[in-house]
Amino acid sequence: MSSITFRIVDKFPEPAFSTLAELVFTDYEVSELLTDVANAEAAAIPRSAKAPEAESLRIGAFRGESLIGWAIARAEGSSHFDMINSGVAPDERRHGVYTELVCMVIEHARSRGYVAIRSRHAANNNAVIVAKLKLGFLVSGFEYSEVYGPLVRLTLLLGELRQSLYRSRSSPIRRAKRP
């Protein structure tokens, strides 16, 4: 991995990003119905109603000048940072590239005072879920998406006090022993 550089970018190089994203997500089934729904909903939003851009972060992993991985994250409110999308080229996986991308997101969020980083993943995306659990993320929920199916929500609490609060709230409730 020593020949890989990681850097924050304003945008990813094209067509390299589109090509890599297509390669990374080849195992997802294309849905014409989903495309129709997304296009119809986007067209129905008046241009003046579109929300302003929240703080966002784009990190690229490059081997030389070739994009081999990426992470996109953005602020959600003033205290949470959401990882939105990421991927690593199949032949570059299992070499720490994804872990380094996540570590850079963590560093960025901590340096700006966010209290938590959240992400959602397909329930069968074991490689990514395990990588994040090893970095201290916690399983914080499950949901069903009409777009992606079953999802696992992961959260990394960035402050010690918030981590203590989580531990106290997530401890099992035990019944008092009766005499």
N, C-alpha and C. Protein backbone atom coordinates (compact mmCIF):
# COMPACT_ATOMS: atom_id res chain seq x y z
N MET A 1 0.83 -1.20 0.00
CA MET A 1 0.00 0.00 0.00
C MET A 1 0.86 1.26 0.00
N SER A 2 2.18 1.09 0.10
CA SER A 2 3.06 2.26 0.19
C SER A 2 3.02 3.13 -1.06
N SER A 3 2.63 2.56 -2.20
CA SER A 3 2.59 3.37 -3.41
C SER A 3 1.23 4.03 -3.63
N ILE A 4 0.35 3.92 -2.64
CA ILE A 4 -0.98 4.54 -2.74
C ILE A 4 -0.97 5.84 -1.96
N THR A 5 -1.49 6.90 -2.57
CA THR A 5 -1.62 8.17 -1.88
C THR A 5 -3.10 8.46 -1.68
N PHE A 6 -3.40 9.14 -0.59
CA PHE A 6 -4.76 9.52 -0.26
C PHE A 6 -4.81 11.03 -0.20
N ARG A 7 -5.81 11.63 -0.83
CA ARG A 7 -5.91 13.08 -0.77
C ARG A 7 -7.35 13.54 -0.88
N ILE A 8 -7.60 14.65 -0.22
CA ILE A 8 -8.92 15.28 -0.30
C ILE A 8 -8.99 16.00 -1.63
N VAL A 9 -10.10 15.82 -2.33
CA VAL A 9 -10.28 16.44 -3.64
C VAL A 9 -11.62 17.17 -3.69
N ASP A 10 -11.70 18.17 -4.56
CA ASP A 10 -12.97 18.88 -4.76
C ASP A 10 -13.94 18.04 -5.58
N LYS A 11 -13.38 17.30 -6.52
CA LYS A 11 -14.19 16.38 -7.33
C LYS A 11 -13.27 15.26 -7.80
N PHE A 12 -13.89 14.14 -8.15
CA PHE A 12 -13.10 13.00 -8.62
C PHE A 12 -12.88 13.12 -10.12
N PRO A 13 -11.74 12.63 -10.60
CA PRO A 13 -11.47 12.72 -12.04
C PRO A 13 -12.45 11.87 -12.84
N GLU A 14 -12.92 12.42 -13.93
CA GLU A 14 -13.82 11.71 -14.84
C GLU A 14 -13.08 11.46 -16.14
N PRO A 15 -13.32 10.37 -16.79
CA PRO A 15 -14.33 9.34 -16.51
C PRO A 15 -13.87 8.28 -15.52
N ALA A 16 -12.69 8.48 -14.88
CA ALA A 16 -12.15 7.46 -13.98
C ALA A 16 -13.12 7.12 -12.85
N PHE A 17 -13.76 8.15 -12.26
CA PHE A 17 -14.66 7.89 -11.14
C PHE A 17 -15.88 7.09 -11.58
N SER A 18 -16.52 7.49 -12.66
CA SER A 18 -17.71 6.77 -13.14
C SER A 18 -17.36 5.33 -13.51
N THR A 19 -16.23 5.13 -14.13
CA THR A 19 -15.79 3.78 -14.52
C THR A 19 -15.53 2.93 -13.28
N LEU A 20 -14.84 3.50 -12.28
CA LEU A 20 -14.55 2.77 -11.05
C LEU A 20 -15.83 2.47 -10.28
N ALA A 21 -16.74 3.43 -10.18
CA ALA A 21 -18.00 3.20 -9.47
C ALA A 21 -18.80 2.08 -10.13
N GLU A 22 -18.82 2.06 -11.45
CA GLU A 22 -19.51 0.99 -12.18
C GLU A 22 -18.87 -0.36 -11.88
N LEU A 23 -17.54 -0.41 -11.83
CA LEU A 23 -16.82 -1.64 -11.54
C LEU A 23 -17.07 -2.11 -10.10
N VAL A 24 -17.03 -1.18 -9.16
CA VAL A 24 -17.21 -1.51 -7.74
C VAL A 24 -18.61 -2.05 -7.47
N PHE A 25 -19.60 -1.51 -8.15
CA PHE A 25 -20.99 -1.89 -7.88
C PHE A 25 -21.57 -2.84 -8.93
N THR A 26 -20.73 -3.61 -9.62
CA THR A 26 -21.23 -4.51 -10.66
C THR A 26 -22.13 -5.60 -10.11
N ASP A 27 -22.02 -5.90 -8.82
CA ASP A 27 -22.84 -6.96 -8.25
C ASP A 27 -24.23 -6.49 -7.84
N TYR A 28 -24.54 -5.23 -8.03
CA TYR A 28 -25.88 -4.73 -7.74
C TYR A 28 -26.74 -4.79 -8.99
N GLU A 29 -27.94 -5.27 -8.81
CA GLU A 29 -28.86 -5.44 -9.93
C GLU A 29 -29.41 -4.08 -10.37
N VAL A 30 -29.36 -3.81 -11.66
CA VAL A 30 -29.90 -2.58 -12.21
C VAL A 30 -31.43 -2.66 -12.19
N SER A 31 -32.06 -1.57 -11.77
CA SER A 31 -33.52 -1.54 -11.70
C SER A 31 -34.04 -0.38 -12.54
N GLU A 32 -34.75 -0.71 -13.61
CA GLU A 32 -35.35 0.36 -14.43
C GLU A 32 -36.41 1.10 -13.64
N LEU A 33 -37.15 0.38 -12.79
CA LEU A 33 -38.18 1.02 -11.98
C LEU A 33 -37.55 2.04 -11.03
N LEU A 34 -36.43 1.68 -10.40
CA LEU A 34 -35.75 2.63 -9.51
C LEU A 34 -35.30 3.85 -10.29
N THR A 35 -34.75 3.65 -11.47
CA THR A 35 -34.33 4.79 -12.30
C THR A 35 -35.51 5.69 -12.62
N ASP A 36 -36.65 5.10 -12.97
CA ASP A 36 -37.85 5.89 -13.26
C ASP A 36 -38.30 6.69 -12.03
N VAL A 37 -38.29 6.03 -10.86
CA VAL A 37 -38.71 6.70 -9.63
C VAL A 37 -37.77 7.87 -9.32
N ALA A 38 -36.46 7.64 -9.37
CA ALA A 38 -35.48 8.69 -9.06
C ALA A 38 -35.61 9.86 -10.02
N ASN A 39 -35.76 9.58 -11.30
CA ASN A 39 -35.90 10.66 -12.29
C ASN A 39 -37.18 11.46 -12.08
N ALA A 40 -38.28 10.78 -11.80
CA ALA A 40 -39.56 11.46 -11.58
C ALA A 40 -39.50 12.34 -10.33
N GLU A 41 -38.92 11.81 -9.26
CA GLU A 41 -38.83 12.59 -8.02
C GLU A 41 -37.90 13.78 -8.17
N ALA A 42 -36.79 13.61 -8.87
CA ALA A 42 -35.87 14.73 -9.08
C ALA A 42 -36.51 15.82 -9.93
N ALA A 43 -37.28 15.42 -10.93
CA ALA A 43 -37.95 16.39 -11.80
C ALA A 43 -39.05 17.16 -11.07
N ALA A 44 -39.63 16.55 -10.04
CA ALA A 44 -40.74 17.16 -9.32
C ALA A 44 -40.28 18.22 -8.31
N ILE A 45 -39.00 18.26 -7.98
CA ILE A 45 -38.50 19.22 -7.01
C ILE A 45 -38.17 20.53 -7.73
N PRO A 46 -38.84 21.62 -7.34
CA PRO A 46 -38.52 22.91 -7.97
C PRO A 46 -37.06 23.28 -7.68
N ARG A 47 -36.40 23.87 -8.65
CA ARG A 47 -34.99 24.23 -8.48
C ARG A 47 -34.78 25.09 -7.24
N SER A 48 -35.70 25.98 -6.94
CA SER A 48 -35.54 26.86 -5.78
C SER A 48 -35.69 26.11 -4.47
N ALA A 49 -36.26 24.90 -4.47
CA ALA A 49 -36.49 24.14 -3.24
C ALA A 49 -35.32 23.24 -2.88
N LYS A 50 -34.34 23.12 -3.74
CA LYS A 50 -33.22 22.22 -3.45
C LYS A 50 -32.40 22.78 -2.30
N ALA A 51 -32.06 21.90 -1.37
CA ALA A 51 -31.32 22.30 -0.17
C ALA A 51 -29.91 22.73 -0.52
N PRO A 52 -29.38 23.68 0.24
CA PRO A 52 -27.99 24.07 0.02
C PRO A 52 -27.05 22.91 0.37
N GLU A 53 -25.89 22.92 -0.23
CA GLU A 53 -24.89 21.87 0.02
C GLU A 53 -24.41 21.96 1.46
N ALA A 54 -24.45 20.85 2.16
CA ALA A 54 -23.85 20.77 3.49
C ALA A 54 -22.35 20.58 3.31
N GLU A 55 -21.60 20.79 4.41
CA GLU A 55 -20.17 20.53 4.33
C GLU A 55 -19.96 19.11 3.83
N SER A 56 -19.14 18.96 2.83
CA SER A 56 -18.90 17.61 2.31
C SER A 56 -17.40 17.37 2.19
N LEU A 57 -17.09 16.08 2.11
CA LEU A 57 -15.70 15.65 2.04
C LEU A 57 -15.59 14.57 0.98
N ARG A 58 -14.62 14.70 0.10
CA ARG A 58 -14.33 13.68 -0.90
C ARG A 58 -12.86 13.32 -0.76
N ILE A 59 -12.61 12.04 -0.55
CA ILE A 59 -11.23 11.57 -0.43
C ILE A 59 -11.00 10.54 -1.52
N GLY A 60 -9.94 10.70 -2.26
CA GLY A 60 -9.58 9.74 -3.29
C GLY A 60 -8.34 8.97 -2.89
N ALA A 61 -8.30 7.70 -3.26
CA ALA A 61 -7.10 6.88 -3.10
C ALA A 61 -6.54 6.67 -4.50
N PHE A 62 -5.28 7.00 -4.68
CA PHE A 62 -4.67 6.97 -6.01
C PHE A 62 -3.43 6.09 -6.01
N ARG A 63 -3.31 5.28 -7.03
CA ARG A 63 -2.06 4.58 -7.31
C ARG A 63 -1.48 5.33 -8.51
N GLY A 64 -0.43 6.09 -8.24
CA GLY A 64 0.05 7.02 -9.26
C GLY A 64 -1.03 8.06 -9.47
N GLU A 65 -1.49 8.20 -10.69
CA GLU A 65 -2.58 9.12 -10.98
C GLU A 65 -3.91 8.40 -11.19
N SER A 66 -3.92 7.07 -10.98
CA SER A 66 -5.14 6.28 -11.19
C SER A 66 -5.96 6.21 -9.91
N LEU A 67 -7.22 6.60 -10.00
CA LEU A 67 -8.14 6.51 -8.87
C LEU A 67 -8.46 5.04 -8.63
N ILE A 68 -8.20 4.57 -7.39
CA ILE A 68 -8.48 3.17 -7.06
C ILE A 68 -9.51 3.03 -5.94
N GLY A 69 -9.87 4.14 -5.32
CA GLY A 69 -10.87 4.10 -4.25
C GLY A 69 -11.32 5.50 -3.89
N TRP A 70 -12.43 5.58 -3.18
CA TRP A 70 -12.95 6.88 -2.79
C TRP A 70 -13.83 6.75 -1.55
N ALA A 71 -14.06 7.88 -0.90
CA ALA A 71 -15.04 8.01 0.17
C ALA A 71 -15.67 9.38 0.05
N ILE A 72 -16.99 9.42 0.21
CA ILE A 72 -17.73 10.68 0.21
C ILE A 72 -18.50 10.74 1.52
N ALA A 73 -18.38 11.86 2.23
CA ALA A 73 -19.10 12.05 3.49
C ALA A 73 -19.60 13.48 3.54
N ARG A 74 -20.63 13.71 4.36
CA ARG A 74 -21.13 15.09 4.49
C ARG A 74 -21.79 15.29 5.84
N ALA A 75 -21.83 16.53 6.23
CA ALA A 75 -22.44 16.90 7.50
C ALA A 75 -23.95 16.66 7.44
N GLU A 76 -24.48 16.21 8.55
CA GLU A 76 -25.93 16.10 8.71
C GLU A 76 -26.23 16.88 9.99
N GLY A 77 -26.73 18.09 9.82
CA GLY A 77 -26.90 18.97 10.97
C GLY A 77 -25.54 19.46 11.44
N SER A 78 -25.49 19.89 12.69
CA SER A 78 -24.23 20.45 13.18
C SER A 78 -23.38 19.45 13.96
N SER A 79 -23.90 18.25 14.22
CA SER A 79 -23.14 17.35 15.08
C SER A 79 -22.80 15.99 14.48
N HIS A 80 -23.44 15.62 13.37
CA HIS A 80 -23.19 14.30 12.79
C HIS A 80 -22.57 14.41 11.40
N PHE A 81 -21.71 13.45 11.11
CA PHE A 81 -21.07 13.38 9.80
C PHE A 81 -21.45 12.02 9.21
N ASP A 82 -22.06 12.02 8.05
CA ASP A 82 -22.55 10.79 7.43
C ASP A 82 -21.65 10.37 6.29
N MET A 83 -21.21 9.11 6.33
CA MET A 83 -20.49 8.55 5.19
C MET A 83 -21.55 8.13 4.18
N ILE A 84 -21.48 8.68 2.99
CA ILE A 84 -22.53 8.52 2.00
C ILE A 84 -22.22 7.39 1.02
N ASN A 85 -21.00 7.35 0.53
CA ASN A 85 -20.67 6.41 -0.53
C ASN A 85 -19.17 6.18 -0.53
N SER A 86 -18.77 4.95 -0.79
CA SER A 86 -17.34 4.65 -0.88
C SER A 86 -17.16 3.39 -1.70
N GLY A 87 -15.96 3.20 -2.17
CA GLY A 87 -15.67 2.00 -2.93
C GLY A 87 -14.18 1.87 -3.18
N VAL A 88 -13.76 0.64 -3.40
CA VAL A 88 -12.36 0.34 -3.71
C VAL A 88 -12.36 -0.63 -4.88
N ALA A 89 -11.48 -0.41 -5.84
CA ALA A 89 -11.38 -1.30 -6.99
C ALA A 89 -11.19 -2.74 -6.51
N PRO A 90 -11.87 -3.70 -7.15
CA PRO A 90 -11.79 -5.09 -6.68
C PRO A 90 -10.37 -5.63 -6.50
N ASP A 91 -9.45 -5.31 -7.40
CA ASP A 91 -8.09 -5.85 -7.27
C ASP A 91 -7.25 -5.10 -6.23
N GLU A 92 -7.81 -4.06 -5.61
CA GLU A 92 -7.10 -3.30 -4.57
C GLU A 92 -7.68 -3.58 -3.18
N ARG A 93 -8.69 -4.43 -3.10
CA ARG A 93 -9.35 -4.71 -1.83
C ARG A 93 -8.47 -5.61 -0.96
N ARG A 94 -8.74 -5.55 0.36
CA ARG A 94 -8.08 -6.39 1.36
C ARG A 94 -6.60 -6.02 1.53
N HIS A 95 -6.31 -4.73 1.23
CA HIS A 95 -4.95 -4.23 1.42
C HIS A 95 -4.93 -2.97 2.29
N GLY A 96 -6.05 -2.68 2.98
CA GLY A 96 -6.11 -1.55 3.89
C GLY A 96 -6.55 -0.23 3.28
N VAL A 97 -6.90 -0.23 2.00
CA VAL A 97 -7.29 1.03 1.34
C VAL A 97 -8.58 1.56 1.97
N TYR A 98 -9.59 0.71 2.11
CA TYR A 98 -10.86 1.16 2.69
C TYR A 98 -10.65 1.66 4.13
N THR A 99 -9.88 0.92 4.91
CA THR A 99 -9.63 1.31 6.30
C THR A 99 -8.98 2.69 6.36
N GLU A 100 -8.02 2.95 5.48
CA GLU A 100 -7.37 4.26 5.48
C GLU A 100 -8.35 5.37 5.08
N LEU A 101 -9.22 5.10 4.11
CA LEU A 101 -10.23 6.09 3.73
C LEU A 101 -11.12 6.42 4.93
N VAL A 102 -11.58 5.39 5.64
CA VAL A 102 -12.44 5.62 6.81
C VAL A 102 -11.67 6.38 7.89
N CYS A 103 -10.41 6.02 8.12
CA CYS A 103 -9.61 6.73 9.13
C CYS A 103 -9.48 8.21 8.79
N MET A 104 -9.35 8.53 7.52
CA MET A 104 -9.27 9.94 7.13
C MET A 104 -10.59 10.66 7.36
N VAL A 105 -11.71 9.98 7.15
CA VAL A 105 -13.02 10.58 7.44
C VAL A 105 -13.13 10.82 8.95
N ILE A 106 -12.70 9.85 9.75
CA ILE A 106 -12.75 9.99 11.21
C ILE A 106 -11.92 11.19 11.65
N GLU A 107 -10.71 11.30 11.13
CA GLU A 107 -9.83 12.42 11.49
C GLU A 107 -10.47 13.75 11.12
N HIS A 108 -11.06 13.82 9.93
CA HIS A 108 -11.71 15.04 9.48
C HIS A 108 -12.87 15.42 10.41
N ALA A 109 -13.72 14.44 10.72
CA ALA A 109 -14.88 14.71 11.57
C ALA A 109 -14.45 15.14 12.97
N ARG A 110 -13.47 14.46 13.53
CA ARG A 110 -12.98 14.82 14.88
C ARG A 110 -12.43 16.25 14.88
N SER A 111 -11.67 16.58 13.86
CA SER A 111 -11.02 17.90 13.82
C SER A 111 -12.03 19.04 13.69
N ARG A 112 -13.25 18.71 13.28
CA ARG A 112 -14.27 19.74 13.12
C ARG A 112 -15.35 19.68 14.20
N GLY A 113 -15.14 18.83 15.19
CA GLY A 113 -16.02 18.82 16.35
C GLY A 113 -17.31 18.02 16.20
N TYR A 114 -17.41 17.17 15.20
CA TYR A 114 -18.61 16.32 15.09
C TYR A 114 -18.60 15.30 16.22
N VAL A 115 -19.80 14.90 16.68
CA VAL A 115 -19.88 13.96 17.80
C VAL A 115 -20.01 12.51 17.33
N ALA A 116 -20.41 12.30 16.09
CA ALA A 116 -20.60 10.93 15.61
C ALA A 116 -20.47 10.89 14.10
N ILE A 117 -20.07 9.71 13.62
CA ILE A 117 -20.04 9.42 12.19
C ILE A 117 -21.01 8.26 11.98
N ARG A 118 -21.89 8.40 10.99
CA ARG A 118 -22.88 7.36 10.71
C ARG A 118 -22.74 6.88 9.28
N SER A 119 -23.15 5.62 9.08
CA SER A 119 -23.17 5.07 7.73
C SER A 119 -24.21 3.97 7.67
N ARG A 120 -24.65 3.67 6.45
CA ARG A 120 -25.61 2.58 6.23
C ARG A 120 -25.02 1.66 5.18
N HIS A 121 -25.23 0.35 5.38
CA HIS A 121 -24.64 -0.63 4.47
C HIS A 121 -25.61 -1.75 4.17
N ALA A 122 -25.52 -2.29 2.96
CA ALA A 122 -26.29 -3.49 2.64
C ALA A 122 -25.94 -4.53 3.70
N ALA A 123 -26.96 -5.22 4.18
CA ALA A 123 -26.77 -6.15 5.29
C ALA A 123 -25.79 -7.27 4.96
N ASN A 124 -25.59 -7.56 3.67
CA ASN A 124 -24.66 -8.63 3.28
C ASN A 124 -23.27 -8.10 2.90
N ASN A 125 -22.99 -6.84 3.17
CA ASN A 125 -21.69 -6.25 2.83
C ASN A 125 -20.73 -6.48 4.01
N ASN A 126 -20.43 -7.75 4.24
CA ASN A 126 -19.66 -8.15 5.42
C ASN A 126 -18.28 -7.50 5.48
N ALA A 127 -17.58 -7.39 4.37
CA ALA A 127 -16.22 -6.84 4.39
C ALA A 127 -16.21 -5.43 4.96
N VAL A 128 -17.14 -4.60 4.52
CA VAL A 128 -17.18 -3.21 4.99
C VAL A 128 -17.68 -3.14 6.44
N ILE A 129 -18.69 -3.91 6.76
CA ILE A 129 -19.22 -3.89 8.13
C ILE A 129 -18.14 -4.33 9.12
N VAL A 130 -17.43 -5.41 8.83
CA VAL A 130 -16.38 -5.90 9.72
C VAL A 130 -15.25 -4.87 9.83
N ALA A 131 -14.85 -4.28 8.71
CA ALA A 131 -13.78 -3.27 8.75
C ALA A 131 -14.16 -2.12 9.68
N LYS A 132 -15.41 -1.69 9.62
CA LYS A 132 -15.83 -0.57 10.46
C LYS A 132 -15.98 -0.99 11.93
N LEU A 133 -16.46 -2.20 12.17
CA LEU A 133 -16.54 -2.68 13.55
C LEU A 133 -15.15 -2.71 14.18
N LYS A 134 -14.14 -3.12 13.42
CA LYS A 134 -12.77 -3.15 13.92
C LYS A 134 -12.25 -1.75 14.26
N LEU A 135 -12.80 -0.73 13.61
CA LEU A 135 -12.40 0.66 13.87
C LEU A 135 -13.20 1.29 15.02
N GLY A 136 -14.12 0.52 15.61
CA GLY A 136 -14.89 1.04 16.75
C GLY A 136 -16.31 1.45 16.45
N PHE A 137 -16.75 1.30 15.21
CA PHE A 137 -18.16 1.59 14.90
C PHE A 137 -19.03 0.58 15.62
N LEU A 138 -20.24 0.97 15.95
CA LEU A 138 -21.22 0.12 16.62
C LEU A 138 -22.42 -0.08 15.71
N VAL A 139 -23.04 -1.22 15.80
CA VAL A 139 -24.30 -1.43 15.09
C VAL A 139 -25.35 -0.63 15.85
N SER A 140 -25.93 0.35 15.20
CA SER A 140 -26.87 1.24 15.88
C SER A 140 -28.28 1.13 15.33
N GLY A 141 -28.48 0.28 14.34
CA GLY A 141 -29.85 0.12 13.85
C GLY A 141 -29.90 -0.70 12.57
N PHE A 142 -31.13 -1.03 12.23
CA PHE A 142 -31.43 -1.76 11.00
C PHE A 142 -32.60 -1.06 10.34
N GLU A 143 -32.64 -1.09 9.05
CA GLU A 143 -33.78 -0.51 8.33
C GLU A 143 -33.97 -1.25 7.02
N TYR A 144 -35.12 -1.04 6.44
CA TYR A 144 -35.38 -1.62 5.14
C TYR A 144 -35.59 -0.46 4.16
N SER A 145 -34.82 -0.46 3.09
CA SER A 145 -34.90 0.57 2.06
C SER A 145 -35.53 -0.02 0.80
N GLU A 146 -36.48 0.70 0.24
CA GLU A 146 -37.07 0.23 -1.01
C GLU A 146 -36.06 0.27 -2.15
N VAL A 147 -34.99 1.00 -1.97
CA VAL A 147 -33.94 1.10 -2.98
C VAL A 147 -32.88 0.01 -2.81
N TYR A 148 -32.38 -0.15 -1.58
CA TYR A 148 -31.25 -1.05 -1.35
C TYR A 148 -31.59 -2.33 -0.60
N GLY A 149 -32.81 -2.46 -0.12
CA GLY A 149 -33.18 -3.63 0.67
C GLY A 149 -32.75 -3.46 2.11
N PRO A 150 -32.44 -4.58 2.81
CA PRO A 150 -32.08 -4.48 4.23
C PRO A 150 -30.74 -3.78 4.42
N LEU A 151 -30.71 -2.85 5.37
CA LEU A 151 -29.50 -2.08 5.66
C LEU A 151 -29.14 -2.18 7.13
N VAL A 152 -27.85 -2.10 7.40
CA VAL A 152 -27.32 -2.02 8.76
C VAL A 152 -26.79 -0.61 8.94
N ARG A 153 -27.19 0.04 10.03
CA ARG A 153 -26.66 1.37 10.34
C ARG A 153 -25.53 1.20 11.35
N LEU A 154 -24.39 1.85 11.04
CA LEU A 154 -23.24 1.84 11.93
C LEU A 154 -22.97 3.26 12.40
N THR A 155 -22.53 3.40 13.65
CA THR A 155 -22.23 4.71 14.21
C THR A 155 -20.92 4.63 14.97
N LEU A 156 -20.07 5.62 14.77
CA LEU A 156 -18.85 5.77 15.56
C LEU A 156 -19.05 7.02 16.42
N LEU A 157 -19.06 6.82 17.73
CA LEU A 157 -19.17 7.93 18.68
C LEU A 157 -17.76 8.47 18.92
N LEU A 158 -17.57 9.77 18.74
CA LEU A 158 -16.22 10.32 18.73
C LEU A 158 -15.72 10.80 20.09
N GLY A 159 -16.61 11.08 21.02
CA GLY A 159 -16.17 11.58 22.33
C GLY A 159 -16.32 10.53 23.41
N GLU A 160 -15.42 10.58 24.38
CA GLU A 160 -15.45 9.61 25.48
C GLU A 160 -16.74 9.72 26.29
N LEU A 161 -17.22 10.94 26.53
CA LEU A 161 -18.47 11.09 27.30
C LEU A 161 -19.65 10.47 26.55
N ARG A 162 -19.70 10.68 25.25
CA ARG A 162 -20.79 10.11 24.47
C ARG A 162 -20.67 8.58 24.44
N GLN A 163 -19.47 8.07 24.37
CA GLN A 163 -19.27 6.62 24.42
C GLN A 163 -19.73 6.05 25.76
N SER A 164 -19.43 6.77 26.85
CA SER A 164 -19.89 6.34 28.18
C SER A 164 -21.41 6.35 28.26
N LEU A 165 -22.02 7.39 27.71
CA LEU A 165 -23.47 7.47 27.69
C LEU A 165 -24.05 6.28 26.92
N TYR A 166 -23.45 5.96 25.79
CA TYR A 166 -23.92 4.82 24.99
C TYR A 166 -23.84 3.53 25.81
N ARG A 167 -22.69 3.31 26.46
CA ARG A 167 -22.52 2.09 27.24
C ARG A 167 -23.55 2.00 28.36
N SER A 168 -23.84 3.14 29.00
CA SER A 168 -24.83 3.10 30.09
C SER A 168 -26.23 2.87 29.56
N ARG A 169 -26.55 3.38 28.40
CA ARG A 169 -27.89 3.21 27.82
C ARG A 169 -28.07 1.84 27.18
N SER A 170 -26.99 1.21 26.77
CA SER A 170 -27.13 -0.07 26.07
C SER A 170 -26.88 -1.28 26.96
N SER A 171 -26.60 -1.04 28.22
CA SER A 171 -26.42 -2.16 29.14
C SER A 171 -27.75 -2.86 29.37
N PRO A 172 -27.71 -4.17 29.54
CA PRO A 172 -28.95 -4.89 29.79
C PRO A 172 -29.60 -4.43 31.09
N ILE A 173 -30.89 -4.37 31.09
CA ILE A 173 -31.63 -4.03 32.31
C ILE A 173 -31.86 -5.33 33.06
N ARG A 174 -31.41 -5.39 34.29
CA ARG A 174 -31.58 -6.60 35.09
C ARG A 174 -32.65 -6.35 36.15
N ARG A 175 -33.44 -7.35 36.32
CA ARG A 175 -34.46 -7.25 37.38
C ARG A 175 -33.79 -7.32 38.74
N ALA A 176 -34.35 -6.56 39.65
CA ALA A 176 -33.85 -6.63 41.03
C ALA A 176 -34.15 -8.00 41.61
N LYS A 177 -33.21 -8.50 42.37
CA LYS A 177 -33.43 -9.82 42.99
C LYS A 177 -34.46 -9.66 44.11
N ARG A 178 -35.36 -10.61 44.12
CA ARG A 178 -36.39 -10.59 45.18
C ARG A 178 -35.92 -11.42 46.36
N PRO A 179 -36.23 -10.94 47.57
CA PRO A 179 -35.81 -11.70 48.77
C PRO A 179 -36.54 -13.02 48.93
